[in-house]
């Protein structure tokens, strides 16, 4: 009966959080508070699930490590500067509240500093989900945000490693052999099926040579999971492996958030502290915005980064939990921090739901600077001669580009916010640039050079609709064409003023029917010639860049 009640609380409150457009973990934390105050017996398996979930989370973070990106000035500079500033700010505020008589639980000066350190992080869960919803993971501000998150997570793991106060075994030096061993694991991964065995392989690597081996040799197991992920990061299947672990990782982390909530219902002091920390959230956005701007990013990139990084991190709970285990903080601090975390998620969800006006307002508050002083990726684009712009250079965008070029169109330009994709396509001869389709200044530039057509070919369902809503078509005077995956999405695009909407599946059906007709045997038993207007599904190769 007890497991059933746990599951009921998790499902009901997690679903309630999603109905309110909040991350489900807000509901999981609340479920922990409810279970902890209900008198239900504790289930040891819940804590074990949480420990495994954290290890797999760190393993997947390691799979995304790219030292080249992490060492860029705009990433490492933002991460270090904001951690120092926000750690100082949080420590001063919490210390000041304690001096004024705030009562939460026992705390030492070291505990105050650790609270400030833990609250300097931003939420990996919230930021990644936000970037995925906007299709911005490959954009410049998205890459900065993800890089900063990885640096913060590494800092948290390093702290947990030193805080363990364990003396490593002399055999720990043998862990360097995991570097060549990772190559063997990569060969094994090449032979593994793409389904459940790949997920099991990822879990095994994270826990066996990762968490358990490091832990047995006196080194923090969480650090081991992160290192094993980093050693596998260069494998071509690393991204797929990370995706295969996503669902199981999210499920196991439910145990961690439940355990945090079950530590006890926050007292009056915890509610007061959470309220003060919530009031600091806008100041966090200012710190990130100013830091990114100082590192020569555009005003809009700075504002987008600052707004995305507002929510406190779930890693704060891990750091505080370790501090509680070592006696520098009392148990009630975990409840206080989890309450502040949940409230910051709510605030972040509200301000990032429709941020167009807020981003524009913040952008106008930031002083301008000469274009020559901006980061090379942020300098104005030369769009002279551009007539048709294709946003989203996935399969559909590339096929559209190739067909227009084959038909003799001039001034065709492909746009994508994924720098790696842009680099690959440019090497193949495409006239393509990295830019953000939600950038109002970019559309104003298009209008200034009299581009006449914009094609929204972004692959994710709803992405084109989101861009149209963001832009409002207030500056671009040309015609807008878009693809849609569903009829209701197409109707919404038309309602927003898009001139031409093409349903992807309808177009695919028409092309397939033409291919079937072309295969009908002709008079001599040969396939009939393709109908006029049909093309090779791969499209012609692009020629020299135009525009």
Protein backbone atom coordinates (compact mmCIF):
# COMPACT_ATOMS: atom_id res chain seq x y z
CA UNK A 1 0.00 0.00 0.00
CA UNK A 2 2.81 2.46 0.87
CA UNK A 3 4.45 2.30 -2.61
CA UNK A 4 1.03 2.87 -4.17
CA UNK A 5 0.49 6.02 -2.08
CA UNK A 6 3.95 7.29 -3.03
CA UNK A 7 3.17 6.73 -6.70
CA UNK A 8 -0.24 8.41 -6.39
CA UNK A 9 1.29 11.53 -4.82
CA UNK A 10 4.00 11.73 -7.49
CA UNK A 11 1.62 11.27 -10.43
CA UNK A 12 -1.11 13.62 -9.19
CA UNK A 13 1.17 16.48 -8.10
CA UNK A 14 3.55 16.06 -11.05
CA UNK A 15 0.59 16.23 -13.44
CA UNK A 16 -0.77 19.27 -11.61
CA UNK A 17 2.57 21.04 -12.13
CA UNK A 18 2.48 20.35 -15.89
CA UNK A 19 -1.07 21.71 -16.10
CA UNK A 20 0.29 24.95 -14.64
CA UNK A 21 3.10 24.94 -17.27
CA UNK A 22 5.71 24.24 -14.58
CA UNK A 23 8.49 21.62 -14.59
CA UNK A 24 7.14 18.34 -13.12
CA UNK A 25 9.89 18.33 -10.50
CA UNK A 26 8.03 21.16 -8.74
CA UNK A 27 5.23 18.65 -8.22
CA UNK A 28 7.72 15.98 -7.13
CA UNK A 29 9.16 18.28 -4.45
CA UNK A 30 5.65 19.05 -3.24
CA UNK A 31 4.87 15.32 -3.20
CA UNK A 32 7.90 14.85 -0.96
CA UNK A 33 6.60 17.51 1.43
CA UNK A 34 3.18 15.83 1.49
CA UNK A 35 4.62 12.35 2.09
CA UNK A 36 7.05 13.62 4.72
CA UNK A 37 4.27 15.27 6.73
CA UNK A 38 1.81 12.39 6.32
CA UNK A 39 3.60 9.93 8.58
CA UNK A 40 4.03 7.31 5.85
CA UNK A 41 7.06 5.04 6.43
CA UNK A 42 10.19 5.83 4.41
CA UNK A 43 11.04 3.56 1.49
CA UNK A 44 14.82 2.94 1.19
CA UNK A 45 14.41 2.25 -2.53
CA UNK A 46 13.44 5.90 -3.09
CA UNK A 47 16.81 7.17 -1.84
CA UNK A 48 18.62 4.50 -3.88
CA UNK A 49 16.72 5.61 -7.00
CA UNK A 50 17.79 9.18 -6.35
CA UNK A 51 21.48 8.27 -6.00
CA UNK A 52 21.43 6.31 -9.26
CA UNK A 53 19.53 9.13 -10.99
CA UNK A 54 22.15 11.71 -9.99
CA UNK A 55 24.95 9.43 -11.25
CA UNK A 56 23.25 8.96 -14.63
CA UNK A 57 22.54 12.70 -14.82
CA UNK A 58 26.25 13.41 -14.38
CA UNK A 59 27.13 10.73 -16.93
CA UNK A 60 24.87 12.39 -19.54
CA UNK A 61 26.41 15.77 -18.74
CA UNK A 62 29.82 14.23 -19.36
CA UNK A 63 28.60 12.94 -22.74
CA UNK A 64 28.01 16.57 -23.77
CA UNK A 65 31.42 17.87 -22.73
CA UNK A 66 33.33 19.66 -25.46
CA UNK A 67 36.43 21.32 -24.05
CA UNK A 68 36.72 23.56 -27.11
CA UNK A 69 33.36 25.15 -26.35
CA UNK A 70 33.89 25.26 -22.58
CA UNK A 71 37.18 27.14 -22.96
CA UNK A 72 35.71 29.90 -25.11
CA UNK A 73 35.84 33.25 -23.39
CA UNK A 74 32.09 33.86 -23.53
CA UNK A 75 31.45 30.49 -21.81
CA UNK A 76 34.19 30.11 -19.20
CA UNK A 77 34.20 33.86 -18.58
CA UNK A 78 30.44 33.95 -17.98
CA UNK A 79 30.51 30.83 -15.80
CA UNK A 80 33.37 31.94 -13.53
CA UNK A 81 32.27 35.57 -13.25
CA UNK A 82 28.64 34.78 -12.43
CA UNK A 83 29.58 32.04 -9.94
CA UNK A 84 31.85 34.46 -8.06
CA UNK A 85 29.38 37.34 -8.10
CA UNK A 86 26.31 35.28 -7.25
CA UNK A 87 28.12 33.29 -4.55
CA UNK A 88 29.12 36.56 -2.90
CA UNK A 89 25.63 38.02 -3.28
CA UNK A 90 23.89 34.94 -1.89
CA UNK A 91 26.30 34.64 1.05
CA UNK A 92 25.93 38.31 1.97
CA UNK A 93 22.12 38.19 1.80
CA UNK A 94 21.81 34.97 3.82
CA UNK A 95 24.42 36.11 6.34
CA UNK A 96 22.64 39.44 6.72
CA UNK A 97 19.29 37.72 7.32
CA UNK A 98 20.87 35.50 9.99
CA UNK A 99 22.35 38.55 11.73
CA UNK A 100 18.89 40.14 11.67
CA UNK A 101 17.47 37.14 13.51
CA UNK A 102 16.33 34.75 10.79
CA UNK A 103 15.76 31.28 12.27
CA UNK A 104 15.94 28.32 9.90
CA UNK A 105 18.25 25.71 11.44
CA UNK A 106 21.81 25.37 12.65
CA UNK A 107 24.38 26.90 10.30
CA UNK A 108 28.10 27.57 10.35
CA UNK A 109 30.03 30.31 8.48
CA UNK A 110 31.16 27.61 6.05
CA UNK A 111 27.51 26.65 5.62
CA UNK A 112 26.61 30.24 4.69
CA UNK A 113 29.32 30.27 2.01
CA UNK A 114 28.15 26.89 0.67
CA UNK A 115 24.57 28.16 0.50
CA UNK A 116 25.75 31.12 -1.58
CA UNK A 117 27.82 28.78 -3.77
CA UNK A 118 24.91 26.37 -4.37
CA UNK A 119 22.52 29.22 -5.18
CA UNK A 120 24.91 30.62 -7.81
CA UNK A 121 23.98 27.78 -10.19
CA UNK A 122 21.18 27.88 -12.76
CA UNK A 123 18.74 25.06 -13.43
CA UNK A 124 19.94 22.59 -16.07
CA UNK A 125 16.44 21.10 -16.36
CA UNK A 126 14.66 24.43 -16.84
CA UNK A 127 17.20 25.92 -19.27
CA UNK A 128 17.49 22.81 -21.47
CA UNK A 129 13.70 22.41 -21.71
CA UNK A 130 13.33 26.12 -22.52
CA UNK A 131 15.94 25.96 -25.30
CA UNK A 132 14.35 22.81 -26.75
CA UNK A 133 10.90 24.44 -26.80
CA UNK A 134 12.33 27.41 -28.70
CA UNK A 135 14.53 25.21 -30.93
CA UNK A 136 17.46 27.32 -29.71
CA UNK A 137 19.91 24.70 -28.43
CA UNK A 138 22.25 25.44 -31.36
CA UNK A 139 21.90 29.23 -31.21
CA UNK A 140 24.72 31.37 -29.85
CA UNK A 141 22.94 32.24 -26.61
CA UNK A 142 21.85 28.60 -26.29
CA UNK A 143 25.45 27.40 -26.64
CA UNK A 144 26.59 29.93 -24.05
CA UNK A 145 23.87 28.87 -21.62
CA UNK A 146 24.57 25.14 -22.03
CA UNK A 147 28.34 25.67 -21.67
CA UNK A 148 27.86 27.70 -18.49
CA UNK A 149 25.57 24.99 -17.07
CA UNK A 150 28.20 22.31 -17.73
CA UNK A 151 30.92 24.38 -16.01
CA UNK A 152 28.62 24.92 -13.01
CA UNK A 153 27.83 21.20 -12.80
CA UNK A 154 31.55 20.36 -12.91
CA UNK A 155 32.18 22.86 -10.08
CA UNK A 156 29.46 21.18 -8.00
CA UNK A 157 30.95 17.71 -8.58
CA UNK A 158 34.44 18.94 -7.66
CA UNK A 159 33.02 20.32 -4.40
CA UNK A 160 31.30 17.02 -3.64
CA UNK A 161 34.54 15.16 -4.31
CA UNK A 162 36.58 17.27 -1.86
CA UNK A 163 33.74 17.33 0.67
CA UNK A 164 33.71 13.54 0.88
CA UNK A 165 36.89 13.73 3.03
CA UNK A 166 37.84 10.22 1.95
CA UNK A 167 41.45 9.19 1.41
CA UNK A 168 41.79 7.67 -2.06
CA UNK A 169 43.26 4.19 -2.31
CA UNK A 170 46.77 3.88 -3.82
CA UNK A 171 45.07 1.85 -6.53
CA UNK A 172 43.18 5.00 -7.58
CA UNK A 173 46.15 5.88 -9.79
CA UNK A 174 45.13 2.95 -11.98
CA UNK A 175 41.98 4.86 -12.96
CA UNK A 176 44.02 6.51 -15.73
CA UNK A 177 43.66 3.20 -17.56
CA UNK A 178 40.02 4.09 -18.14
CA UNK A 179 41.21 6.44 -20.89
CA UNK A 180 42.35 3.65 -23.25
CA UNK A 181 39.55 1.43 -21.89
CA UNK A 182 37.04 3.99 -23.18
CA UNK A 183 38.16 3.15 -26.73
CA UNK A 184 37.25 -0.49 -26.15
CA UNK A 185 33.89 0.55 -24.74
CA UNK A 186 33.38 2.62 -27.89
CA UNK A 187 33.98 -0.46 -30.04
CA UNK A 188 31.45 -2.37 -27.96
CA UNK A 189 28.96 0.48 -28.39
CA UNK A 190 29.36 0.25 -32.16
CA UNK A 191 28.09 -3.33 -32.07
CA UNK A 192 25.12 -2.69 -29.78
CA UNK A 193 21.57 -2.40 -31.07
CA UNK A 194 19.95 1.05 -31.08
CA UNK A 195 17.15 0.06 -28.68
CA UNK A 196 17.01 -1.11 -25.07
CA UNK A 197 20.54 -2.62 -25.11
CA UNK A 198 22.02 0.82 -25.80
CA UNK A 199 20.20 2.22 -22.76
CA UNK A 200 21.44 -0.67 -20.60
CA UNK A 201 24.97 -0.13 -21.89
CA UNK A 202 24.85 3.53 -20.86
CA UNK A 203 23.58 2.69 -17.38
CA UNK A 204 26.27 0.00 -16.97
CA UNK A 205 29.10 2.35 -17.99
CA UNK A 206 27.82 5.13 -15.71
CA UNK A 207 27.50 2.86 -12.67
CA UNK A 208 30.19 0.14 -12.99
CA UNK A 209 33.47 1.70 -14.24
CA UNK A 210 31.97 5.05 -13.27
CA UNK A 211 30.25 5.38 -9.91
CA UNK A 212 31.03 2.02 -8.24
CA UNK A 213 34.67 1.66 -9.32
CA UNK A 214 35.57 5.22 -8.29
CA UNK A 215 33.70 4.83 -5.01
CA UNK A 216 35.48 1.53 -4.23
CA UNK A 217 38.86 3.26 -4.74
CA UNK A 218 38.02 6.11 -2.38
CA UNK A 219 37.11 8.70 -5.04
CA UNK A 220 33.69 10.31 -5.23
CA UNK A 221 31.40 8.10 -7.34
CA UNK A 222 29.56 11.07 -8.86
CA UNK A 223 32.86 12.37 -10.21
CA UNK A 224 33.47 8.93 -11.69
CA UNK A 225 30.15 8.99 -13.53
CA UNK A 226 30.96 12.45 -14.95
CA UNK A 227 34.46 11.35 -16.05
CA UNK A 228 33.14 8.21 -17.78
CA UNK A 229 30.67 10.36 -19.69
CA UNK A 230 33.47 12.73 -20.70
CA UNK A 231 35.60 9.82 -21.92
CA UNK A 232 32.73 8.67 -24.14
CA UNK A 233 31.84 12.18 -25.36
CA UNK A 234 33.91 11.94 -28.55
CA UNK A 235 32.14 8.78 -29.73
CA UNK A 236 29.83 9.40 -32.74
CA UNK A 237 26.93 7.78 -30.85
CA UNK A 238 27.36 9.93 -27.70
CA UNK A 239 24.35 12.11 -28.51
CA UNK A 240 22.16 9.09 -29.22
CA UNK A 241 23.36 7.41 -26.02
CA UNK A 242 22.44 10.50 -24.02
CA UNK A 243 18.99 10.58 -25.61
CA UNK A 244 18.43 6.89 -24.85
CA UNK A 245 19.10 7.55 -21.15
CA UNK A 246 16.83 10.57 -20.92
CA UNK A 247 13.62 8.86 -19.81
CA UNK A 248 15.23 6.49 -17.29
CA UNK A 249 17.29 9.36 -15.87
CA UNK A 250 14.19 11.55 -15.41
CA UNK A 251 12.33 8.66 -13.76
CA UNK A 252 15.14 7.91 -11.31
CA UNK A 253 15.58 11.58 -10.40
CA UNK A 254 12.00 11.54 -9.10
CA UNK A 255 13.42 9.58 -6.16
CA UNK A 256 15.98 12.33 -5.48
CA UNK A 257 13.41 15.12 -5.47
CA UNK A 258 11.06 13.06 -3.30
CA UNK A 259 13.86 12.48 -0.79
CA UNK A 260 14.60 16.20 -0.59
CA UNK A 261 10.94 17.04 0.07
CA UNK A 262 10.63 14.28 2.65
CA UNK A 263 13.29 15.91 4.83
CA UNK A 264 10.51 17.93 6.38
CA UNK A 265 7.92 20.67 5.86
CA UNK A 266 9.57 24.12 5.79
CA UNK A 267 9.13 26.28 8.86
CA UNK A 268 8.37 29.99 9.01
CA UNK A 269 12.05 30.91 8.64
CA UNK A 270 12.35 28.77 5.54
CA UNK A 271 9.37 30.52 3.94
CA UNK A 272 10.89 33.93 4.72
CA UNK A 273 14.23 32.89 3.26
CA UNK A 274 12.56 31.47 0.13
CA UNK A 275 10.70 34.77 -0.35
CA UNK A 276 13.93 36.77 -0.15
CA UNK A 277 15.72 34.39 -2.54
CA UNK A 278 12.82 34.69 -4.97
CA UNK A 279 13.20 38.48 -4.89
CA UNK A 280 16.84 38.00 -5.93
CA UNK A 281 15.88 36.18 -9.14
CA UNK A 282 15.60 39.40 -11.24
CA UNK A 283 19.03 40.43 -9.92
CA UNK A 284 20.40 37.07 -11.12
CA UNK A 285 19.11 37.88 -14.59
CA UNK A 286 20.86 41.27 -14.43
CA UNK A 287 24.18 39.66 -13.42
CA UNK A 288 24.06 37.21 -16.33
CA UNK A 289 22.96 39.88 -18.81
CA UNK A 290 25.68 42.36 -17.83
CA UNK A 291 28.38 39.66 -17.78
CA UNK A 292 27.51 38.38 -21.26
CA UNK A 293 27.33 41.94 -22.58
CA UNK A 294 30.78 42.78 -21.15
CA UNK A 295 32.10 39.74 -23.04
CA UNK A 296 31.15 41.52 -26.31
CA UNK A 297 27.83 39.88 -27.08
CA UNK A 298 24.95 41.77 -28.68
CA UNK A 299 22.28 43.34 -26.50
CA UNK A 300 19.67 40.78 -27.51
CA UNK A 301 21.97 37.79 -26.96
CA UNK A 302 22.78 39.14 -23.50
CA UNK A 303 19.11 39.63 -22.61
CA UNK A 304 18.10 36.17 -23.84
CA UNK A 305 20.90 34.52 -21.86
CA UNK A 306 20.08 36.44 -18.68
CA UNK A 307 16.38 35.65 -18.86
CA UNK A 308 16.96 31.94 -19.54
CA UNK A 309 19.36 31.48 -16.58
CA UNK A 310 17.14 32.91 -13.84
CA UNK A 311 15.94 29.75 -12.03
CA UNK A 312 18.00 28.26 -9.20
CA UNK A 313 19.58 24.89 -9.96
CA UNK A 314 18.46 21.44 -8.86
CA UNK A 315 22.18 20.92 -8.22
CA UNK A 316 21.80 23.34 -5.30
CA UNK A 317 19.82 20.60 -3.57
CA UNK A 318 22.65 18.11 -4.12
CA UNK A 319 25.28 20.51 -2.75
CA UNK A 320 23.12 21.42 0.27
CA UNK A 321 22.38 17.74 0.93
CA UNK A 322 26.15 17.05 1.08
CA UNK A 323 26.63 20.05 3.40
CA UNK A 324 23.89 18.71 5.69
CA UNK A 325 25.56 15.29 5.78
CA UNK A 326 28.80 16.98 6.93
CA UNK A 327 27.08 18.98 9.66
CA UNK A 328 27.75 22.51 8.37
CA UNK A 329 24.00 22.99 7.76
CA UNK A 330 20.93 21.75 9.63
CA UNK A 331 18.34 19.49 7.96
CA UNK A 332 15.75 22.26 7.53
CA UNK A 333 18.02 24.09 5.08
CA UNK A 334 17.26 21.45 2.43
CA UNK A 335 13.54 22.21 2.75
CA UNK A 336 14.21 25.97 2.60
CA UNK A 337 16.37 25.70 -0.53
CA UNK A 338 13.95 23.31 -2.24
CA UNK A 339 11.12 25.77 -1.59
CA UNK A 340 13.15 28.63 -3.10
CA UNK A 341 14.03 26.38 -6.03
CA UNK A 342 10.39 25.52 -6.73
CA UNK A 343 9.31 29.18 -6.53
CA UNK A 344 12.10 30.23 -8.91
CA UNK A 345 10.89 27.58 -11.39
CA UNK A 346 7.42 29.11 -11.24
CA UNK A 347 8.76 32.63 -11.84
CA UNK A 348 11.04 31.49 -14.68
CA UNK A 349 8.17 29.66 -16.37
CA UNK A 350 6.00 32.77 -16.21
CA UNK A 351 8.55 35.28 -17.58
CA UNK A 352 9.80 32.94 -20.32
CA UNK A 353 6.39 31.85 -21.59
CA UNK A 354 5.95 34.84 -23.94
CA UNK A 355 9.12 36.92 -23.56
CA UNK A 356 8.95 39.03 -26.73
CA UNK A 357 8.00 42.32 -25.08
CA UNK A 358 10.25 41.72 -22.07
CA UNK A 359 13.29 40.94 -24.25
CA UNK A 360 12.63 44.06 -26.33
CA UNK A 361 12.35 46.18 -23.16
CA UNK A 362 15.56 44.79 -21.66
CA UNK A 363 17.38 45.22 -24.98
CA UNK A 364 16.48 48.92 -25.15
CA UNK A 365 17.83 49.44 -21.61
CA UNK A 366 21.28 48.14 -22.57
CA UNK A 367 23.60 50.81 -24.03
CA UNK A 368 24.66 50.35 -27.65
CA UNK A 369 28.27 49.75 -28.64
CA UNK A 370 30.11 49.93 -31.99
CA UNK A 371 29.67 46.83 -34.14
CA UNK A 372 33.44 46.52 -34.52
CA UNK A 373 33.76 45.80 -30.78
CA UNK A 374 31.31 42.88 -30.84
CA UNK A 375 32.20 39.19 -30.83
CA UNK A 376 32.88 38.01 -34.43
CA UNK A 377 29.71 35.85 -34.42
CA UNK A 378 27.64 38.87 -33.33
CA UNK A 379 28.67 41.40 -35.97
CA UNK A 380 26.10 42.58 -38.56
CA UNK A 381 25.49 40.26 -41.51
CA UNK A 382 26.07 41.33 -45.09
CA UNK A 383 22.74 40.60 -46.82
CA UNK A 384 23.31 42.62 -49.97
CA UNK A 385 21.52 41.03 -52.93
CA UNK A 386 19.49 38.57 -50.84
CA UNK A 387 15.99 38.00 -52.20
CA UNK A 388 14.86 34.71 -50.66
CA UNK A 389 15.77 33.53 -47.16
CA UNK A 390 15.24 29.95 -45.95
CA UNK A 391 15.11 29.62 -42.16
CA UNK A 392 16.02 26.14 -41.00
CA UNK A 393 18.53 24.22 -43.10
CA UNK A 394 17.41 20.72 -42.22
CA UNK A 395 16.35 18.24 -44.89
CA UNK A 396 13.40 20.32 -46.06
CA UNK A 397 15.34 23.58 -46.02
CA UNK A 398 18.24 22.06 -47.95
CA UNK A 399 15.91 20.52 -50.53
CA UNK A 400 14.14 23.88 -50.99
CA UNK A 401 17.47 25.66 -51.38
CA UNK A 402 18.72 23.11 -53.94
CA UNK A 403 15.50 23.29 -56.01
CA UNK A 404 15.50 27.09 -56.08
CA UNK A 405 19.13 27.12 -57.17
CA UNK A 406 18.45 24.50 -59.87
CA UNK A 407 15.55 26.60 -61.16
CA UNK A 408 17.86 29.59 -61.61
CA UNK A 409 16.82 31.64 -58.56
CA UNK A 410 19.30 34.32 -57.46
CA UNK A 411 20.01 35.72 -54.02
CA UNK A 412 18.98 32.58 -52.09
CA UNK A 413 20.31 32.50 -48.52
CA UNK A 414 20.03 29.70 -45.96
CA UNK A 415 19.81 30.58 -42.26
CA UNK A 416 20.30 28.25 -39.29
CA UNK A 417 21.20 28.85 -35.65
CA UNK A 418 23.30 25.68 -35.40
CA UNK A 419 26.92 26.74 -35.90
CA UNK A 420 28.18 23.22 -36.66
CA UNK A 421 25.53 22.68 -39.34
CA UNK A 422 26.25 26.07 -40.89
CA UNK A 423 29.95 25.24 -41.06
CA UNK A 424 29.29 21.88 -42.78
CA UNK A 425 26.90 23.37 -45.35
CA UNK A 426 29.19 26.31 -46.11
CA UNK A 427 31.98 23.83 -46.86
CA UNK A 428 29.68 22.17 -49.41
CA UNK A 429 29.06 25.45 -51.24
CA UNK A 430 25.78 26.60 -49.71
CA UNK A 431 25.22 30.30 -49.23
CA UNK A 432 24.36 29.95 -45.56
CA UNK A 433 24.77 32.04 -42.42
CA UNK A 434 24.30 31.51 -38.72
CA UNK A 435 21.50 33.69 -37.36
CA UNK A 436 18.43 33.55 -35.15
CA UNK A 437 14.98 33.53 -36.76
CA UNK A 438 13.52 35.20 -33.67
CA UNK A 439 15.83 38.20 -33.97
CA UNK A 440 13.80 41.30 -34.82
CA UNK A 441 16.95 43.20 -35.85
CA UNK A 442 17.73 40.53 -38.43
CA UNK A 443 14.28 40.94 -40.01
CA UNK A 444 14.70 44.71 -40.05
CA UNK A 445 17.95 44.15 -41.98
CA UNK A 446 16.12 41.89 -44.46
CA UNK A 447 13.52 44.56 -45.01
CA UNK A 448 16.24 47.18 -45.54
CA UNK A 449 17.80 45.18 -48.38
CA UNK A 450 14.34 44.43 -49.87
CA UNK A 451 14.31 40.65 -49.51
CA UNK A 452 10.99 39.53 -51.00
CA UNK A 453 10.46 36.02 -49.59
CA UNK A 454 11.08 34.22 -46.32
CA UNK A 455 10.65 30.46 -46.06
CA UNK A 456 10.17 29.03 -42.56
CA UNK A 457 11.37 25.43 -42.87
CA UNK A 458 12.29 24.62 -39.29
CA UNK A 459 11.68 20.93 -38.61
CA UNK A 460 10.30 20.86 -35.07
CA UNK A 461 6.48 20.90 -34.81
CA UNK A 462 5.29 24.35 -33.82
CA UNK A 463 8.70 26.03 -34.26
CA UNK A 464 7.56 28.09 -37.25
CA UNK A 465 4.39 29.13 -35.44
CA UNK A 466 6.48 30.19 -32.46
CA UNK A 467 8.71 32.32 -34.68
CA UNK A 468 5.73 34.01 -36.32
CA UNK A 469 4.25 34.82 -32.92
CA UNK A 470 7.62 36.18 -31.76
CA UNK A 471 8.19 38.34 -34.79
CA UNK A 472 4.66 39.64 -35.21
CA UNK A 473 5.72 40.44 -38.79
CA UNK A 474 6.11 44.06 -37.75
CA UNK A 475 9.15 44.87 -39.87
CA UNK A 476 9.45 42.40 -42.73
CA UNK A 477 7.51 43.58 -45.77
CA UNK A 478 8.02 40.50 -47.96
CA UNK A 479 5.99 37.30 -48.38
CA UNK A 480 6.26 34.54 -45.78
CA UNK A 481 5.96 30.83 -46.60
CA UNK A 482 6.02 28.09 -43.96
CA UNK A 483 5.76 24.34 -43.50
CA UNK A 484 3.46 22.65 -41.00
CA UNK A 485 3.22 19.08 -39.73
CA UNK A 486 -0.42 19.17 -38.64
CA UNK A 487 -3.62 20.72 -39.95
CA UNK A 488 -4.29 22.73 -36.79
CA UNK A 489 -0.74 24.09 -36.90
CA UNK A 490 -1.27 25.12 -40.54
CA UNK A 491 -4.50 26.91 -39.65
CA UNK A 492 -2.76 28.82 -36.87
CA UNK A 493 0.00 29.89 -39.24
CA UNK A 494 -2.56 31.15 -41.76
CA UNK A 495 -4.38 32.99 -38.99
CA UNK A 496 -1.12 34.73 -38.07
CA UNK A 497 -0.81 36.07 -41.62
CA UNK A 498 1.55 33.60 -43.30
CA UNK A 499 1.01 33.88 -47.04
CA UNK A 500 1.57 30.22 -48.01
CA UNK A 501 1.45 27.18 -45.73
CA UNK A 502 2.40 23.70 -46.96
CA UNK A 503 1.57 20.58 -44.96
CA UNK A 504 4.71 18.43 -44.98
CA UNK A 505 2.84 15.13 -45.11
CA UNK A 506 0.54 16.29 -47.91
CA UNK A 507 3.56 17.30 -49.96
CA UNK A 508 5.30 14.02 -49.21
CA UNK A 509 2.19 12.11 -50.31
CA UNK A 510 2.07 13.99 -53.61
CA UNK A 511 5.76 13.31 -54.29
CA UNK A 512 5.33 9.63 -53.44
CA UNK A 513 2.34 9.36 -55.79
CA UNK A 514 4.43 10.89 -58.59
CA UNK A 515 7.19 8.37 -57.88
CA UNK A 516 4.65 5.49 -58.08
CA UNK A 517 3.34 6.77 -61.40
CA UNK A 518 6.89 7.08 -62.70
CA UNK A 519 7.46 3.39 -61.96
CA UNK A 520 4.50 2.27 -64.09
CA UNK A 521 5.92 0.34 -67.09
CA UNK A 522 5.70 2.24 -70.34
CA UNK A 523 4.92 0.80 -73.78
CA UNK A 524 8.34 -0.85 -74.03
CA UNK A 525 8.22 -2.29 -70.53
CA UNK A 526 10.43 0.53 -69.19
CA UNK A 527 9.44 2.85 -66.35
CA UNK A 528 7.65 5.95 -67.51
CA UNK A 529 9.61 9.15 -67.63
CA UNK A 530 9.24 11.37 -64.55
CA UNK A 531 6.57 14.03 -64.79
CA UNK A 532 7.66 17.56 -65.46
CA UNK A 533 8.60 19.30 -62.26
CA UNK A 534 9.58 16.17 -60.32
CA UNK A 535 13.05 16.11 -58.83
CA UNK A 536 15.61 13.80 -57.35
CA UNK A 537 14.61 13.45 -53.66
CA UNK A 538 18.12 14.44 -52.68
CA UNK A 539 17.97 17.59 -54.77
CA UNK A 540 20.74 18.98 -56.97
CA UNK A 541 24.01 19.92 -55.43
CA UNK A 542 24.34 23.61 -54.63
CA UNK A 543 26.62 25.66 -56.80
CA UNK A 544 28.67 28.72 -56.00
CA UNK A 545 27.31 30.92 -53.22
CA UNK A 546 25.07 33.72 -54.37
CA UNK A 547 23.96 36.92 -52.75
